[in-house]
N, C-alpha and C. Protein backbone atom coordinates (compact mmCIF):
# COMPACT_ATOMS: atom_id res chain seq x y z
N UNK A 1 28.98 117.17 171.77
CA UNK A 1 28.54 118.45 171.25
C UNK A 1 27.03 118.43 170.97
N UNK A 2 26.56 117.47 170.18
CA UNK A 2 25.14 117.40 169.88
C UNK A 2 24.56 116.12 170.45
N UNK A 3 23.41 116.24 171.10
CA UNK A 3 22.82 115.10 171.79
C UNK A 3 21.71 114.42 171.00
N UNK A 4 20.96 115.17 170.25
CA UNK A 4 19.79 114.59 169.59
C UNK A 4 19.50 115.35 168.31
N UNK A 5 18.49 114.90 167.63
CA UNK A 5 18.05 115.61 166.42
C UNK A 5 16.61 116.02 166.60
N UNK A 6 16.28 117.14 166.04
CA UNK A 6 14.93 117.69 166.10
C UNK A 6 14.39 117.71 164.68
N UNK A 7 13.27 117.06 164.48
CA UNK A 7 12.66 117.04 163.15
C UNK A 7 11.62 118.13 163.09
N UNK A 8 11.81 119.06 162.18
CA UNK A 8 10.86 120.16 162.02
C UNK A 8 10.24 120.06 160.64
N UNK A 9 8.97 120.42 160.56
CA UNK A 9 8.24 120.36 159.31
C UNK A 9 7.78 121.75 158.93
N UNK A 10 8.08 122.14 157.72
CA UNK A 10 7.60 123.41 157.18
C UNK A 10 6.93 123.12 155.85
N UNK A 11 5.63 123.43 155.72
CA UNK A 11 5.01 123.26 154.41
C UNK A 11 5.50 124.37 153.48
N UNK A 12 5.74 124.02 152.25
CA UNK A 12 6.18 125.02 151.28
C UNK A 12 5.34 124.87 150.02
N UNK A 13 5.32 125.89 149.23
CA UNK A 13 4.58 125.85 147.97
C UNK A 13 5.55 126.21 146.86
N UNK A 14 5.67 125.33 145.91
CA UNK A 14 6.53 125.56 144.74
C UNK A 14 5.72 125.31 143.48
N UNK A 15 6.06 125.98 142.44
CA UNK A 15 5.47 125.73 141.14
C UNK A 15 3.95 125.84 141.16
N UNK A 16 3.48 127.07 141.19
CA UNK A 16 2.05 127.31 141.24
C UNK A 16 1.52 127.08 142.63
N UNK A 17 0.41 126.37 142.73
CA UNK A 17 -0.18 126.15 144.05
C UNK A 17 -0.02 124.71 144.52
N UNK A 18 0.85 123.94 143.89
CA UNK A 18 1.09 122.56 144.27
C UNK A 18 1.85 122.51 145.60
N UNK A 19 1.26 121.96 146.66
CA UNK A 19 1.94 121.96 147.96
C UNK A 19 2.98 120.83 148.06
N UNK A 20 4.06 121.13 148.70
CA UNK A 20 5.10 120.18 149.00
C UNK A 20 5.45 120.34 150.47
N UNK A 21 6.00 119.33 151.07
CA UNK A 21 6.41 119.43 152.46
C UNK A 21 7.92 119.35 152.54
N UNK A 22 8.48 120.13 153.42
CA UNK A 22 9.92 120.16 153.61
C UNK A 22 10.20 119.74 155.04
N UNK A 23 11.02 118.73 155.20
CA UNK A 23 11.40 118.29 156.53
C UNK A 23 12.87 118.61 156.73
N UNK A 24 13.17 119.23 157.83
CA UNK A 24 14.55 119.56 158.16
C UNK A 24 14.91 118.86 159.45
N UNK A 25 16.03 118.18 159.46
CA UNK A 25 16.51 117.60 160.69
C UNK A 25 17.60 118.52 161.20
N UNK A 26 17.39 119.03 162.39
CA UNK A 26 18.33 119.97 162.97
C UNK A 26 18.95 119.35 164.21
N UNK A 27 20.25 119.47 164.34
CA UNK A 27 20.90 118.97 165.53
C UNK A 27 20.53 119.85 166.72
N UNK A 28 20.34 119.24 167.86
CA UNK A 28 20.00 119.97 169.08
C UNK A 28 21.20 119.94 170.02
N UNK A 29 21.56 121.08 170.56
CA UNK A 29 22.72 121.17 171.45
C UNK A 29 22.48 120.41 172.72
N UNK A 30 23.56 119.80 173.27
CA UNK A 30 23.50 119.15 174.57
C UNK A 30 23.17 120.16 175.65
N UNK A 31 23.87 121.26 175.62
CA UNK A 31 23.64 122.31 176.60
C UNK A 31 22.68 123.32 176.01
N UNK A 32 22.06 124.11 176.87
CA UNK A 32 21.14 125.12 176.38
C UNK A 32 21.88 126.15 175.55
N UNK A 33 21.49 126.28 174.31
CA UNK A 33 22.03 127.34 173.47
C UNK A 33 21.30 128.61 173.87
N UNK A 34 21.99 129.71 173.88
CA UNK A 34 21.34 130.96 174.26
C UNK A 34 20.18 131.24 173.31
N UNK A 35 20.45 131.16 172.01
CA UNK A 35 19.42 131.38 171.01
C UNK A 35 19.65 130.38 169.88
N UNK A 36 18.62 129.63 169.56
CA UNK A 36 18.74 128.68 168.46
C UNK A 36 18.46 129.33 167.12
N UNK A 37 17.53 130.30 167.12
CA UNK A 37 17.17 130.93 165.85
C UNK A 37 16.96 132.43 166.05
N UNK A 38 17.43 133.17 165.07
CA UNK A 38 17.16 134.60 164.99
C UNK A 38 16.22 134.79 163.81
N UNK A 39 15.06 135.34 164.08
CA UNK A 39 14.07 135.62 163.06
C UNK A 39 14.10 137.13 162.83
N UNK A 40 14.56 137.54 161.67
CA UNK A 40 14.79 138.95 161.36
C UNK A 40 13.74 139.39 160.35
N UNK A 41 12.82 140.24 160.78
CA UNK A 41 11.68 140.64 159.95
C UNK A 41 11.87 142.06 159.46
N UNK A 42 11.87 142.24 158.15
CA UNK A 42 11.96 143.57 157.55
C UNK A 42 10.70 143.81 156.75
N UNK A 43 9.88 144.72 157.24
CA UNK A 43 8.57 144.98 156.66
C UNK A 43 8.43 146.48 156.42
N UNK A 44 8.96 146.97 155.30
CA UNK A 44 8.94 148.41 155.05
C UNK A 44 7.53 148.96 154.88
N UNK A 45 7.34 150.18 155.33
CA UNK A 45 6.01 150.81 155.27
C UNK A 45 5.53 151.01 153.83
N UNK A 46 6.45 151.31 152.92
CA UNK A 46 6.07 151.60 151.54
C UNK A 46 5.66 150.35 150.75
N UNK A 47 6.18 149.21 151.13
CA UNK A 47 5.84 147.96 150.46
C UNK A 47 5.59 146.90 151.54
N UNK A 48 4.49 147.04 152.28
CA UNK A 48 4.28 146.16 153.44
C UNK A 48 4.01 144.71 153.05
N UNK A 49 4.39 143.84 153.98
CA UNK A 49 4.13 142.41 153.86
C UNK A 49 3.12 142.07 154.96
N UNK A 50 1.83 141.97 154.64
CA UNK A 50 0.79 141.86 155.66
C UNK A 50 0.93 140.71 156.65
N UNK A 51 1.51 139.60 156.24
CA UNK A 51 1.61 138.44 157.14
C UNK A 51 2.98 138.28 157.78
N UNK A 52 3.89 139.22 157.57
CA UNK A 52 5.26 139.07 158.06
C UNK A 52 5.34 138.88 159.57
N UNK A 53 4.62 139.67 160.30
CA UNK A 53 4.67 139.58 161.76
C UNK A 53 4.08 138.26 162.26
N UNK A 54 2.95 137.86 161.71
CA UNK A 54 2.33 136.59 162.09
C UNK A 54 3.23 135.42 161.72
N UNK A 55 3.90 135.53 160.57
CA UNK A 55 4.84 134.49 160.14
C UNK A 55 5.97 134.34 161.14
N UNK A 56 6.52 135.47 161.57
CA UNK A 56 7.61 135.44 162.55
C UNK A 56 7.16 134.78 163.85
N UNK A 57 5.97 135.13 164.30
CA UNK A 57 5.44 134.53 165.53
C UNK A 57 5.26 133.02 165.38
N UNK A 58 4.76 132.58 164.21
CA UNK A 58 4.55 131.15 163.97
C UNK A 58 5.87 130.40 163.95
N UNK A 59 6.89 130.97 163.32
CA UNK A 59 8.21 130.32 163.29
C UNK A 59 8.76 130.24 164.71
N UNK A 60 8.63 131.31 165.46
CA UNK A 60 9.12 131.33 166.84
C UNK A 60 8.45 130.24 167.67
N UNK A 61 7.16 130.05 167.49
CA UNK A 61 6.42 129.06 168.26
C UNK A 61 6.83 127.62 167.93
N UNK A 62 7.46 127.40 166.80
CA UNK A 62 7.93 126.05 166.45
C UNK A 62 9.04 125.58 167.39
N UNK A 63 9.76 126.49 167.97
CA UNK A 63 10.92 126.15 168.79
C UNK A 63 10.57 125.86 170.25
N UNK A 64 9.63 126.59 170.81
CA UNK A 64 9.32 126.50 172.24
C UNK A 64 8.96 125.10 172.72
N UNK A 65 8.12 124.34 172.00
CA UNK A 65 7.76 123.01 172.51
C UNK A 65 8.95 122.06 172.64
N UNK A 66 10.04 122.38 172.00
CA UNK A 66 11.23 121.52 172.03
C UNK A 66 12.31 122.07 172.96
N UNK A 67 11.93 123.08 173.75
CA UNK A 67 12.88 123.67 174.68
C UNK A 67 13.93 124.53 174.00
N UNK A 68 13.66 124.97 172.82
CA UNK A 68 14.58 125.79 172.05
C UNK A 68 14.10 127.23 172.07
N UNK A 69 15.00 128.16 171.88
CA UNK A 69 14.66 129.58 171.95
C UNK A 69 14.90 130.27 170.61
N UNK A 70 13.90 131.01 170.17
CA UNK A 70 14.01 131.82 168.96
C UNK A 70 13.70 133.27 169.33
N UNK A 71 14.49 134.18 168.81
CA UNK A 71 14.33 135.60 169.06
C UNK A 71 13.83 136.26 167.78
N UNK A 72 12.84 137.14 167.91
CA UNK A 72 12.30 137.86 166.76
C UNK A 72 12.76 139.31 166.83
N UNK A 73 13.32 139.80 165.75
CA UNK A 73 13.67 141.22 165.60
C UNK A 73 12.80 141.78 164.50
N UNK A 74 11.98 142.76 164.84
CA UNK A 74 11.11 143.39 163.86
C UNK A 74 11.74 144.71 163.41
N UNK A 75 12.22 144.70 162.19
CA UNK A 75 12.85 145.89 161.63
C UNK A 75 14.33 145.95 161.94
N UNK A 76 15.04 146.61 161.05
CA UNK A 76 16.47 146.78 161.26
C UNK A 76 17.23 146.78 159.96
N UNK A 77 18.43 147.31 160.05
CA UNK A 77 19.30 147.36 158.88
C UNK A 77 20.40 146.30 159.02
N UNK A 78 21.34 146.31 158.09
CA UNK A 78 22.41 145.31 158.10
C UNK A 78 23.26 145.42 159.37
N UNK A 79 23.45 146.62 159.87
CA UNK A 79 24.23 146.80 161.11
C UNK A 79 23.53 146.12 162.27
N UNK A 80 22.21 146.26 162.36
CA UNK A 80 21.45 145.62 163.42
C UNK A 80 21.52 144.11 163.29
N UNK A 81 21.41 143.60 162.06
CA UNK A 81 21.51 142.16 161.85
C UNK A 81 22.88 141.65 162.30
N UNK A 82 23.94 142.34 161.91
CA UNK A 82 25.29 141.93 162.32
C UNK A 82 25.42 141.91 163.85
N UNK A 83 24.89 142.96 164.49
CA UNK A 83 24.95 143.06 165.95
C UNK A 83 24.23 141.87 166.61
N UNK A 84 23.05 141.54 166.11
CA UNK A 84 22.29 140.44 166.69
C UNK A 84 22.93 139.08 166.42
N UNK A 85 23.50 138.92 165.24
CA UNK A 85 24.21 137.67 164.94
C UNK A 85 25.38 137.49 165.89
N UNK A 86 26.14 138.54 166.11
CA UNK A 86 27.30 138.45 167.00
C UNK A 86 26.90 138.26 168.45
N UNK A 87 25.82 138.90 168.87
CA UNK A 87 25.38 138.79 170.26
C UNK A 87 24.78 137.42 170.57
N UNK A 88 23.90 136.94 169.69
CA UNK A 88 23.16 135.70 169.98
C UNK A 88 23.82 134.44 169.42
N UNK A 89 24.61 134.57 168.37
CA UNK A 89 25.26 133.42 167.73
C UNK A 89 24.26 132.28 167.46
N UNK A 90 23.17 132.59 166.74
CA UNK A 90 22.14 131.57 166.50
C UNK A 90 22.61 130.50 165.53
N UNK A 91 21.99 129.34 165.62
CA UNK A 91 22.27 128.27 164.66
C UNK A 91 21.50 128.49 163.37
N UNK A 92 20.35 129.19 163.47
CA UNK A 92 19.49 129.42 162.31
C UNK A 92 19.18 130.90 162.20
N UNK A 93 19.31 131.43 161.00
CA UNK A 93 18.84 132.78 160.70
C UNK A 93 17.67 132.63 159.74
N UNK A 94 16.55 133.20 160.12
CA UNK A 94 15.35 133.17 159.27
C UNK A 94 15.01 134.62 158.92
N UNK A 95 15.28 135.01 157.69
CA UNK A 95 14.99 136.36 157.21
C UNK A 95 13.61 136.38 156.58
N UNK A 96 12.77 137.31 157.01
CA UNK A 96 11.44 137.50 156.44
C UNK A 96 11.40 138.92 155.88
N UNK A 97 11.23 139.05 154.59
CA UNK A 97 11.19 140.37 153.99
C UNK A 97 11.35 140.31 152.48
N UNK A 98 11.55 141.46 151.90
CA UNK A 98 11.76 141.53 150.45
C UNK A 98 13.18 141.08 150.13
N UNK A 99 13.29 140.20 149.16
CA UNK A 99 14.61 139.76 148.70
C UNK A 99 14.78 140.12 147.22
N UNK A 100 13.83 140.85 146.69
CA UNK A 100 13.91 141.28 145.30
C UNK A 100 13.95 142.80 145.19
N UNK A 101 14.49 143.42 146.24
CA UNK A 101 14.70 144.87 146.20
C UNK A 101 15.84 145.14 145.23
N UNK A 102 15.68 146.11 144.37
CA UNK A 102 16.70 146.43 143.37
C UNK A 102 17.64 147.49 143.95
N UNK A 103 18.92 147.15 143.98
CA UNK A 103 19.91 148.11 144.48
C UNK A 103 20.04 149.25 143.47
N UNK A 104 20.03 150.50 143.93
CA UNK A 104 20.02 151.63 142.99
C UNK A 104 21.29 151.78 142.15
N UNK A 105 22.44 151.28 142.63
CA UNK A 105 23.68 151.48 141.88
C UNK A 105 23.94 150.41 140.83
N UNK A 106 23.76 149.14 141.19
CA UNK A 106 24.09 148.09 140.22
C UNK A 106 22.86 147.37 139.68
N UNK A 107 21.67 147.74 140.16
CA UNK A 107 20.39 147.19 139.68
C UNK A 107 20.23 145.70 139.96
N UNK A 108 21.05 145.13 140.84
CA UNK A 108 20.93 143.72 141.21
C UNK A 108 19.92 143.57 142.33
N UNK A 109 19.34 142.37 142.42
CA UNK A 109 18.40 142.07 143.50
C UNK A 109 19.17 141.86 144.79
N UNK A 110 18.59 142.36 145.88
CA UNK A 110 19.22 142.24 147.18
C UNK A 110 18.15 142.18 148.26
N UNK A 111 18.56 141.93 149.50
CA UNK A 111 17.62 141.93 150.61
C UNK A 111 17.19 143.35 150.92
N UNK A 112 15.94 143.49 151.31
CA UNK A 112 15.42 144.80 151.70
C UNK A 112 15.35 144.91 153.21
N UNK A 113 16.19 145.74 153.78
CA UNK A 113 16.18 146.00 155.22
C UNK A 113 15.28 147.19 155.49
N UNK A 114 15.06 147.51 156.77
CA UNK A 114 14.23 148.66 157.11
C UNK A 114 14.98 149.60 158.04
N UNK A 115 14.76 150.88 157.80
CA UNK A 115 15.36 151.91 158.63
C UNK A 115 14.46 152.26 159.80
N UNK A 116 14.93 153.12 160.70
CA UNK A 116 14.14 153.52 161.86
C UNK A 116 12.80 154.16 161.49
N UNK A 117 12.76 154.78 160.32
CA UNK A 117 11.52 155.43 159.87
C UNK A 117 10.60 154.47 159.11
N UNK A 118 10.97 153.19 159.02
CA UNK A 118 10.18 152.21 158.29
C UNK A 118 10.45 152.17 156.81
N UNK A 119 11.42 152.97 156.36
CA UNK A 119 11.77 153.00 154.95
C UNK A 119 12.61 151.80 154.53
N UNK A 120 12.56 151.49 153.24
CA UNK A 120 13.33 150.39 152.67
C UNK A 120 14.79 150.80 152.52
N UNK A 121 15.69 149.93 152.98
CA UNK A 121 17.13 150.15 152.84
C UNK A 121 17.70 148.97 152.06
N UNK A 122 18.49 149.27 151.03
CA UNK A 122 19.15 148.20 150.28
C UNK A 122 20.66 148.34 150.46
N UNK A 123 21.33 147.20 150.47
CA UNK A 123 22.78 147.19 150.47
C UNK A 123 23.22 146.29 149.32
N UNK A 124 24.42 146.47 148.87
CA UNK A 124 24.92 145.68 147.75
C UNK A 124 24.81 144.18 148.06
N UNK A 125 24.45 143.37 147.08
CA UNK A 125 24.36 141.92 147.30
C UNK A 125 25.67 141.33 147.83
N UNK A 126 26.80 141.87 147.40
CA UNK A 126 28.10 141.37 147.89
C UNK A 126 28.23 141.63 149.39
N UNK A 127 27.70 142.76 149.84
CA UNK A 127 27.76 143.10 151.26
C UNK A 127 26.85 142.18 152.06
N UNK A 128 25.68 141.84 151.50
CA UNK A 128 24.80 140.87 152.15
C UNK A 128 25.52 139.55 152.30
N UNK A 129 26.16 139.09 151.24
CA UNK A 129 26.89 137.83 151.27
C UNK A 129 28.01 137.86 152.31
N UNK A 130 28.77 138.95 152.36
CA UNK A 130 29.84 139.08 153.36
C UNK A 130 29.28 139.04 154.77
N UNK A 131 28.15 139.69 154.98
CA UNK A 131 27.52 139.71 156.30
C UNK A 131 27.09 138.30 156.72
N UNK A 132 26.45 137.58 155.82
CA UNK A 132 25.91 136.26 156.16
C UNK A 132 26.97 135.17 156.23
N UNK A 133 28.10 135.37 155.57
CA UNK A 133 29.11 134.31 155.50
C UNK A 133 30.45 134.72 156.09
N UNK A 134 30.45 135.71 156.96
CA UNK A 134 31.71 136.12 157.58
C UNK A 134 32.31 134.93 158.34
N UNK A 135 33.60 135.00 158.64
CA UNK A 135 34.24 133.91 159.38
C UNK A 135 33.54 133.67 160.71
N UNK A 136 33.10 134.72 161.34
CA UNK A 136 32.37 134.58 162.59
C UNK A 136 31.06 133.84 162.37
N UNK A 137 30.26 134.27 161.39
CA UNK A 137 28.95 133.66 161.14
C UNK A 137 29.08 132.19 160.75
N UNK A 138 30.08 131.86 159.96
CA UNK A 138 30.28 130.47 159.54
C UNK A 138 30.53 129.56 160.74
N UNK A 139 31.07 130.13 161.82
CA UNK A 139 31.38 129.31 163.00
C UNK A 139 30.14 128.90 163.79
N UNK A 140 29.01 129.56 163.60
CA UNK A 140 27.82 129.18 164.38
C UNK A 140 26.56 128.97 163.54
N UNK A 141 26.41 129.63 162.39
CA UNK A 141 25.21 129.44 161.59
C UNK A 141 25.22 128.08 160.91
N UNK A 142 24.13 127.35 161.06
CA UNK A 142 23.99 126.04 160.43
C UNK A 142 22.95 126.04 159.31
N UNK A 143 22.11 127.09 159.27
CA UNK A 143 21.08 127.18 158.24
C UNK A 143 20.63 128.63 158.13
N UNK A 144 20.46 129.08 156.89
CA UNK A 144 19.89 130.40 156.63
C UNK A 144 18.66 130.21 155.75
N UNK A 145 17.53 130.75 156.22
CA UNK A 145 16.29 130.72 155.46
C UNK A 145 16.03 132.15 155.00
N UNK A 146 16.00 132.35 153.70
CA UNK A 146 15.70 133.67 153.12
C UNK A 146 14.30 133.60 152.55
N UNK A 147 13.34 134.01 153.35
CA UNK A 147 11.94 133.89 152.94
C UNK A 147 11.48 135.21 152.34
N UNK A 148 11.85 135.39 151.08
CA UNK A 148 11.48 136.57 150.32
C UNK A 148 11.53 136.23 148.84
N UNK A 149 10.81 137.00 148.06
CA UNK A 149 10.74 136.77 146.61
C UNK A 149 12.13 136.69 145.98
N UNK A 150 12.30 135.70 145.13
CA UNK A 150 13.51 135.53 144.31
C UNK A 150 14.79 135.58 145.13
N UNK A 151 14.78 134.96 146.29
CA UNK A 151 15.93 134.96 147.19
C UNK A 151 16.92 133.84 146.92
N UNK A 152 16.61 132.96 145.97
CA UNK A 152 17.44 131.79 145.74
C UNK A 152 18.86 132.15 145.28
N UNK A 153 19.02 133.24 144.54
CA UNK A 153 20.37 133.61 144.08
C UNK A 153 21.28 133.91 145.26
N UNK A 154 20.77 134.64 146.24
CA UNK A 154 21.58 134.91 147.44
C UNK A 154 21.77 133.63 148.23
N UNK A 155 20.70 132.82 148.36
CA UNK A 155 20.79 131.56 149.09
C UNK A 155 21.85 130.64 148.47
N UNK A 156 21.89 130.57 147.15
CA UNK A 156 22.89 129.74 146.47
C UNK A 156 24.31 130.20 146.79
N UNK A 157 24.53 131.51 146.79
CA UNK A 157 25.87 132.04 147.10
C UNK A 157 26.25 131.76 148.55
N UNK A 158 25.30 131.85 149.45
CA UNK A 158 25.55 131.53 150.86
C UNK A 158 25.92 130.06 150.99
N UNK A 159 25.19 129.19 150.29
CA UNK A 159 25.47 127.75 150.35
C UNK A 159 26.86 127.42 149.80
N UNK A 160 27.24 128.07 148.72
CA UNK A 160 28.57 127.85 148.14
C UNK A 160 29.66 128.27 149.14
N UNK A 161 29.36 129.29 149.94
CA UNK A 161 30.32 129.77 150.94
C UNK A 161 30.38 128.86 152.18
N UNK A 162 29.46 127.89 152.27
CA UNK A 162 29.58 126.92 153.34
C UNK A 162 28.45 126.83 154.34
N UNK A 163 27.40 127.62 154.18
CA UNK A 163 26.26 127.54 155.10
C UNK A 163 25.03 127.12 154.30
N UNK A 164 24.40 126.00 154.67
CA UNK A 164 23.17 125.61 153.96
C UNK A 164 22.16 126.75 153.99
N UNK A 165 21.50 126.99 152.86
CA UNK A 165 20.56 128.09 152.76
C UNK A 165 19.38 127.69 151.89
N UNK A 166 18.24 128.27 152.20
CA UNK A 166 17.00 128.02 151.47
C UNK A 166 16.46 129.36 151.00
N UNK A 167 16.00 129.42 149.75
CA UNK A 167 15.40 130.64 149.23
C UNK A 167 14.35 130.31 148.18
N UNK A 168 13.62 131.32 147.77
CA UNK A 168 12.58 131.18 146.76
C UNK A 168 13.16 131.49 145.38
N UNK A 169 12.79 130.68 144.39
CA UNK A 169 13.21 130.88 143.01
C UNK A 169 12.29 131.87 142.30
N UNK A 170 11.11 132.07 142.84
CA UNK A 170 10.08 132.85 142.17
C UNK A 170 9.61 134.00 143.07
N UNK A 171 8.72 134.79 142.51
CA UNK A 171 7.98 135.75 143.33
C UNK A 171 6.99 134.91 144.12
N UNK A 172 6.78 135.27 145.37
CA UNK A 172 5.90 134.48 146.22
C UNK A 172 4.86 135.39 146.88
N UNK A 173 3.63 134.96 146.86
CA UNK A 173 2.57 135.70 147.55
C UNK A 173 2.78 135.57 149.05
N UNK A 174 2.13 136.45 149.78
CA UNK A 174 2.29 136.50 151.23
C UNK A 174 1.85 135.22 151.92
N UNK A 175 0.74 134.60 151.48
CA UNK A 175 0.26 133.40 152.15
C UNK A 175 1.22 132.22 152.02
N UNK A 176 1.68 131.87 150.82
CA UNK A 176 2.64 130.76 150.74
C UNK A 176 3.96 131.08 151.47
N UNK A 177 4.37 132.33 151.44
CA UNK A 177 5.59 132.70 152.17
C UNK A 177 5.40 132.46 153.66
N UNK A 178 4.23 132.80 154.17
CA UNK A 178 3.95 132.60 155.59
C UNK A 178 3.90 131.11 155.92
N UNK A 179 3.39 130.30 155.00
CA UNK A 179 3.34 128.86 155.23
C UNK A 179 4.72 128.22 155.19
N UNK A 180 5.63 128.83 154.45
CA UNK A 180 7.00 128.34 154.33
C UNK A 180 7.71 128.47 155.64
């Protein structure tokens, strides 16, 4: 099933401006996987993330030298994310966007998706968890990166459901998020 391991390095910043390095060892498929990573970028017009697009491009470029393929989706709602997860069956989902959007009904923090008009769309945190940890997703996702402010609560719930996940415990400026 797996032939080798790929060592990837992502610099991260935790606790102020103190830099730390994160090394992830990812298994590489023997056969060509259609898509190794789905990079889903949600950058709403009302609360833009200036480096989101460049960050997505940088993450995508990490895969090419190793013969791996990453697909970038700029904008979309939960339905679009579900569609892309089912179509590509990536090993890694890398979400870039707001993760501290407040849901209007229960006031909990959730991921911020984007609509066709560039507006911010929120869905219940439970729905986000169901989307990311469905029986289908658990069969192919090996890692979820939630690169958005205060995303660790969702990341922790995803990890408890069986998929390793990484998130931010704090609010994060655009530059450290891009470096992550």
